[in-house]
Amino acid sequence: MRINLLSSFAAGILITTTICGVVYFTDDNTTQKASAKSSEKVQLTAPEMKDKLESEGYVVQTKEELEKTLQAAKSTETKPADSKKKEKAVTQVLVNVADGMTSIDVANALFQAKLIPDAFKFTQDIEARGLQNALRPGSYTVNSDMSYDQIIATIFTN
């Protein structure tokens, strides 16, 4: 009795699939829509394309118009005089690493000195590089001119 139930279910699935396939492949609306879309390729001229894009909110410029806009923007910028240029001040920080300090402590000190943007990401980077055990006690001088990698190389030794 159980086999009869299973074969009836399988026969029902087969019949349903066959009916759906016949309806799908004999339906003229879907094939007509697909062929109509492919045959409706319309070539727009450059002014028509520009008008259509501008009507939808896009800004369309030729290369010459772009160059003129950039030139105008550069000429209206206020340029500081060479004598009034402010040079960026270099911040020099002495980091004292004591026994028992971790990379988190060093990261917090560098973050407070505004030498790194994020203490948590610095700590994650140290762990990713495998340098969390390379921290040795001592005094290290770092400054704001140093790159991120130079700061790490100065404080953490392999």
C-alpha atoms as a PDB file:
ATOM      1  CA  MET A   1       0.000   0.000   0.000  1.00  0.00           C
ATOM      2  CA  ARG A   2       2.854   2.378   0.767  1.00  0.00           C
ATOM      3  CA  ILE A   3       4.467   1.847  -2.659  1.00  0.00           C
ATOM      4  CA  ASN A   4       1.200   2.704  -4.364  1.00  0.00           C
ATOM      5  CA  LEU A   5       1.025   6.003  -2.455  1.00  0.00           C
ATOM      6  CA  LEU A   6       4.596   6.910  -3.421  1.00  0.00           C
ATOM      7  CA  SER A   7       4.125   6.076  -7.088  1.00  0.00           C
ATOM      8  CA  SER A   8       0.899   8.122  -7.167  1.00  0.00           C
ATOM      9  CA  PHE A   9       2.734  11.114  -5.724  1.00  0.00           C
ATOM     10  CA  ALA A  10       5.554  10.774  -8.286  1.00  0.00           C
ATOM     11  CA  ALA A  11       3.039  10.488 -11.130  1.00  0.00           C
ATOM     12  CA  GLY A  12       1.305  13.667  -9.915  1.00  0.00           C
ATOM     13  CA  ILE A  13       4.597  15.587  -9.866  1.00  0.00           C
ATOM     14  CA  LEU A  14       5.408  14.350 -13.390  1.00  0.00           C
ATOM     15  CA  ILE A  15       2.018  15.386 -14.770  1.00  0.00           C
ATOM     16  CA  THR A  16       2.205  18.825 -13.112  1.00  0.00           C
ATOM     17  CA  THR A  17       5.690  19.445 -14.506  1.00  0.00           C
ATOM     18  CA  THR A  18       4.598  18.419 -17.975  1.00  0.00           C
ATOM     19  CA  ILE A  19       1.586  20.753 -17.914  1.00  0.00           C
ATOM     20  CA  CYS A  20       3.704  23.691 -16.699  1.00  0.00           C
ATOM     21  CA  GLY A  21       6.296  23.027 -19.408  1.00  0.00           C
ATOM     22  CA  VAL A  22       3.681  22.906 -22.152  1.00  0.00           C
ATOM     23  CA  VAL A  23       2.082  26.143 -20.974  1.00  0.00           C
ATOM     24  CA  TYR A  24       5.454  27.892 -20.713  1.00  0.00           C
ATOM     25  CA  PHE A  25       6.704  26.898 -24.138  1.00  0.00           C
ATOM     26  CA  THR A  26       3.431  27.461 -25.975  1.00  0.00           C
ATOM     27  CA  ASP A  27       2.626  30.865 -24.476  1.00  0.00           C
ATOM     28  CA  ASP A  28       3.043  33.401 -27.294  1.00  0.00           C
ATOM     29  CA  ASN A  29       3.036  36.480 -25.036  1.00  0.00           C
ATOM     30  CA  THR A  30       6.469  35.842 -23.525  1.00  0.00           C
ATOM     31  CA  THR A  31       8.164  35.151 -26.857  1.00  0.00           C
ATOM     32  CA  GLN A  32       6.524  38.158 -28.475  1.00  0.00           C
ATOM     33  CA  LYS A  33       7.609  40.427 -25.613  1.00  0.00           C
ATOM     34  CA  ALA A  34      11.186  39.165 -25.799  1.00  0.00           C
ATOM     35  CA  SER A  35      11.386  39.588 -29.563  1.00  0.00           C
ATOM     36  CA  ALA A  36       9.758  43.030 -29.371  1.00  0.00           C
ATOM     37  CA  LYS A  37      12.356  44.208 -26.850  1.00  0.00           C
ATOM     38  CA  SER A  38      15.241  42.988 -28.975  1.00  0.00           C
ATOM     39  CA  SER A  39      13.881  44.594 -32.142  1.00  0.00           C
ATOM     40  CA  GLU A  40      13.206  47.967 -30.461  1.00  0.00           C
ATOM     41  CA  LYS A  41      16.839  49.093 -30.366  1.00  0.00           C
ATOM     42  CA  VAL A  42      16.703  52.813 -31.015  1.00  0.00           C
ATOM     43  CA  GLN A  43      19.798  54.845 -31.774  1.00  0.00           C
ATOM     44  CA  LEU A  44      19.679  58.257 -30.116  1.00  0.00           C
ATOM     45  CA  THR A  45      21.746  61.164 -31.307  1.00  0.00           C
ATOM     46  CA  ALA A  46      24.161  62.869 -28.912  1.00  0.00           C
ATOM     47  CA  PRO A  47      21.836  65.833 -28.180  1.00  0.00           C
ATOM     48  CA  GLU A  48      18.911  63.463 -27.596  1.00  0.00           C
ATOM     49  CA  MET A  49      20.978  61.361 -25.187  1.00  0.00           C
ATOM     50  CA  LYS A  50      22.141  64.490 -23.357  1.00  0.00           C
ATOM     51  CA  ASP A  51      18.554  65.814 -23.063  1.00  0.00           C
ATOM     52  CA  LYS A  52      17.292  62.440 -21.831  1.00  0.00           C
ATOM     53  CA  LEU A  53      20.016  62.167 -19.178  1.00  0.00           C
ATOM     54  CA  GLU A  54      19.564  65.779 -18.036  1.00  0.00           C
ATOM     55  CA  SER A  55      15.802  65.248 -17.736  1.00  0.00           C
ATOM     56  CA  GLU A  56      16.548  62.371 -15.339  1.00  0.00           C
ATOM     57  CA  GLY A  57      18.789  64.558 -13.166  1.00  0.00           C
ATOM     58  CA  TYR A  58      22.261  63.774 -14.513  1.00  0.00           C
ATOM     59  CA  VAL A  59      24.859  66.420 -15.297  1.00  0.00           C
ATOM     60  CA  VAL A  60      26.346  65.859 -18.720  1.00  0.00           C
ATOM     61  CA  GLN A  61      29.438  67.758 -19.869  1.00  0.00           C
ATOM     62  CA  THR A  62      31.840  67.437 -22.748  1.00  0.00           C
ATOM     63  CA  LYS A  63      35.562  67.328 -22.059  1.00  0.00           C
ATOM     64  CA  GLU A  64      35.897  70.971 -23.026  1.00  0.00           C
ATOM     65  CA  GLU A  65      33.102  72.022 -20.656  1.00  0.00           C
ATOM     66  CA  LEU A  66      34.722  69.992 -17.869  1.00  0.00           C
ATOM     67  CA  GLU A  67      38.101  71.642 -18.458  1.00  0.00           C
ATOM     68  CA  LYS A  68      36.497  75.097 -18.357  1.00  0.00           C
ATOM     69  CA  THR A  69      34.743  74.242 -15.098  1.00  0.00           C
ATOM     70  CA  LEU A  70      37.969  72.980 -13.541  1.00  0.00           C
ATOM     71  CA  GLN A  71      39.890  76.050 -14.704  1.00  0.00           C
ATOM     72  CA  ALA A  72      37.243  78.328 -13.207  1.00  0.00           C
ATOM     73  CA  ALA A  73      37.360  76.427  -9.921  1.00  0.00           C
ATOM     74  CA  LYS A  74      41.143  76.669  -9.756  1.00  0.00           C
ATOM     75  CA  SER A  75      41.128  80.385 -10.479  1.00  0.00           C
ATOM     76  CA  THR A  76      38.566  81.146  -7.747  1.00  0.00           C
ATOM     77  CA  GLU A  77      40.477  79.246  -5.051  1.00  0.00           C
ATOM     78  CA  THR A  78      42.150  81.450  -2.525  1.00  0.00           C
ATOM     79  CA  LYS A  79      45.844  80.737  -2.633  1.00  0.00           C
ATOM     80  CA  PRO A  80      47.764  81.517   0.563  1.00  0.00           C
ATOM     81  CA  ALA A  81      50.914  83.551   0.200  1.00  0.00           C
ATOM     82  CA  ASP A  82      54.161  81.605   0.453  1.00  0.00           C
ATOM     83  CA  SER A  83      55.209  83.577   3.513  1.00  0.00           C
ATOM     84  CA  LYS A  84      51.969  82.735   5.325  1.00  0.00           C
ATOM     85  CA  LYS A  85      52.055  78.985   4.750  1.00  0.00           C
ATOM     86  CA  LYS A  86      51.622  77.134   7.970  1.00  0.00           C
ATOM     87  CA  GLU A  87      53.969  74.249   8.381  1.00  0.00           C
ATOM     88  CA  LYS A  88      52.626  71.291  10.241  1.00  0.00           C
ATOM     89  CA  ALA A  89      54.123  71.048  13.693  1.00  0.00           C
ATOM     90  CA  VAL A  90      55.881  67.786  14.432  1.00  0.00           C
ATOM     91  CA  THR A  91      54.810  66.163  17.663  1.00  0.00           C
ATOM     92  CA  GLN A  92      57.464  64.082  19.365  1.00  0.00           C
ATOM     93  CA  VAL A  93      56.395  61.618  22.050  1.00  0.00           C
ATOM     94  CA  LEU A  94      58.487  59.545  24.421  1.00  0.00           C
ATOM     95  CA  VAL A  95      56.761  56.205  25.054  1.00  0.00           C
ATOM     96  CA  ASN A  96      57.923  54.465  28.202  1.00  0.00           C
ATOM     97  CA  VAL A  97      57.198  50.748  28.127  1.00  0.00           C
ATOM     98  CA  ALA A  98      57.348  49.104  31.532  1.00  0.00           C
ATOM     99  CA  ASP A  99      57.261  45.436  32.495  1.00  0.00           C
ATOM    100  CA  GLY A 100      53.750  44.072  32.215  1.00  0.00           C
ATOM    101  CA  MET A 101      52.507  46.590  29.656  1.00  0.00           C
ATOM    102  CA  THR A 102      50.552  45.235  26.745  1.00  0.00           C
ATOM    103  CA  SER A 103      50.023  46.413  23.185  1.00  0.00           C
ATOM    104  CA  ILE A 104      46.679  47.816  24.342  1.00  0.00           C
ATOM    105  CA  ASP A 105      48.457  50.110  26.822  1.00  0.00           C
ATOM    106  CA  VAL A 106      50.880  51.288  24.137  1.00  0.00           C
ATOM    107  CA  ALA A 107      48.005  51.837  21.694  1.00  0.00           C
ATOM    108  CA  ASN A 108      46.146  53.963  24.258  1.00  0.00           C
ATOM    109  CA  ALA A 109      49.254  56.088  24.871  1.00  0.00           C
ATOM    110  CA  LEU A 110      49.766  56.626  21.116  1.00  0.00           C
ATOM    111  CA  PHE A 111      46.077  57.427  20.665  1.00  0.00           C
ATOM    112  CA  GLN A 112      46.158  60.024  23.468  1.00  0.00           C
ATOM    113  CA  ALA A 113      49.198  61.594  21.805  1.00  0.00           C
ATOM    114  CA  LYS A 114      47.190  61.680  18.547  1.00  0.00           C
ATOM    115  CA  LEU A 115      49.786  59.636  16.664  1.00  0.00           C
ATOM    116  CA  ILE A 116      47.335  56.909  15.639  1.00  0.00           C
ATOM    117  CA  PRO A 117      43.659  57.323  14.694  1.00  0.00           C
ATOM    118  CA  ASP A 118      42.252  54.265  16.505  1.00  0.00           C
ATOM    119  CA  ALA A 119      43.757  52.352  19.427  1.00  0.00           C
ATOM    120  CA  PHE A 120      41.604  49.254  18.902  1.00  0.00           C
ATOM    121  CA  LYS A 121      42.567  48.901  15.229  1.00  0.00           C
ATOM    122  CA  PHE A 122      46.219  49.419  16.171  1.00  0.00           C
ATOM    123  CA  THR A 123      45.981  46.566  18.682  1.00  0.00           C
ATOM    124  CA  GLN A 124      44.270  44.341  16.124  1.00  0.00           C
ATOM    125  CA  ASP A 125      47.019  45.134  13.610  1.00  0.00           C
ATOM    126  CA  ILE A 126      49.713  44.237  16.145  1.00  0.00           C
ATOM    127  CA  GLU A 127      48.000  40.902  16.812  1.00  0.00           C
ATOM    128  CA  ALA A 128      47.569  40.244  13.078  1.00  0.00           C
ATOM    129  CA  ARG A 129      51.297  40.807  12.566  1.00  0.00           C
ATOM    130  CA  GLY A 130      52.102  38.517  15.510  1.00  0.00           C
ATOM    131  CA  LEU A 131      53.988  41.230  17.415  1.00  0.00           C
ATOM    132  CA  GLN A 132      52.028  41.178  20.681  1.00  0.00           C
ATOM    133  CA  ASN A 133      54.921  39.336  22.379  1.00  0.00           C
ATOM    134  CA  ALA A 134      57.607  41.534  20.785  1.00  0.00           C
ATOM    135  CA  LEU A 135      57.041  44.430  23.193  1.00  0.00           C
ATOM    136  CA  ARG A 136      60.156  45.015  25.320  1.00  0.00           C
ATOM    137  CA  PRO A 137      60.563  47.431  28.236  1.00  0.00           C
ATOM    138  CA  GLY A 138      62.319  50.680  27.413  1.00  0.00           C
ATOM    139  CA  SER A 139      61.850  54.243  26.202  1.00  0.00           C
ATOM    140  CA  TYR A 140      60.954  54.817  22.570  1.00  0.00           C
ATOM    141  CA  THR A 141      60.759  58.148  20.758  1.00  0.00           C
ATOM    142  CA  VAL A 142      58.122  58.452  18.050  1.00  0.00           C
ATOM    143  CA  ASN A 143      56.881  61.529  16.223  1.00  0.00           C
ATOM    144  CA  SER A 144      53.992  62.566  14.020  1.00  0.00           C
ATOM    145  CA  ASP A 145      56.142  62.490  10.868  1.00  0.00           C
ATOM    146  CA  MET A 146      56.573  58.727  11.196  1.00  0.00           C
ATOM    147  CA  SER A 147      54.369  56.408   9.183  1.00  0.00           C
ATOM    148  CA  TYR A 148      52.168  53.828  10.844  1.00  0.00           C
ATOM    149  CA  ASP A 149      54.653  51.053  10.012  1.00  0.00           C
ATOM    150  CA  GLN A 150      57.607  53.094  11.294  1.00  0.00           C
ATOM    151  CA  ILE A 151      55.866  53.589  14.655  1.00  0.00           C
ATOM    152  CA  ILE A 152      55.285  49.849  14.933  1.00  0.00           C
ATOM    153  CA  ALA A 153      58.884  49.058  13.929  1.00  0.00           C
ATOM    154  CA  THR A 154      60.211  51.506  16.525  1.00  0.00           C
ATOM    155  CA  ILE A 155      58.258  50.159  19.495  1.00  0.00           C
ATOM    156  CA  PHE A 156      57.837  46.481  18.637  1.00  0.00           C
ATOM    157  CA  THR A 157      60.959  44.428  17.929  1.00  0.00           C
ATOM    158  CA  ASN A 158      61.067  40.939  16.459  1.00  0.00           C
END
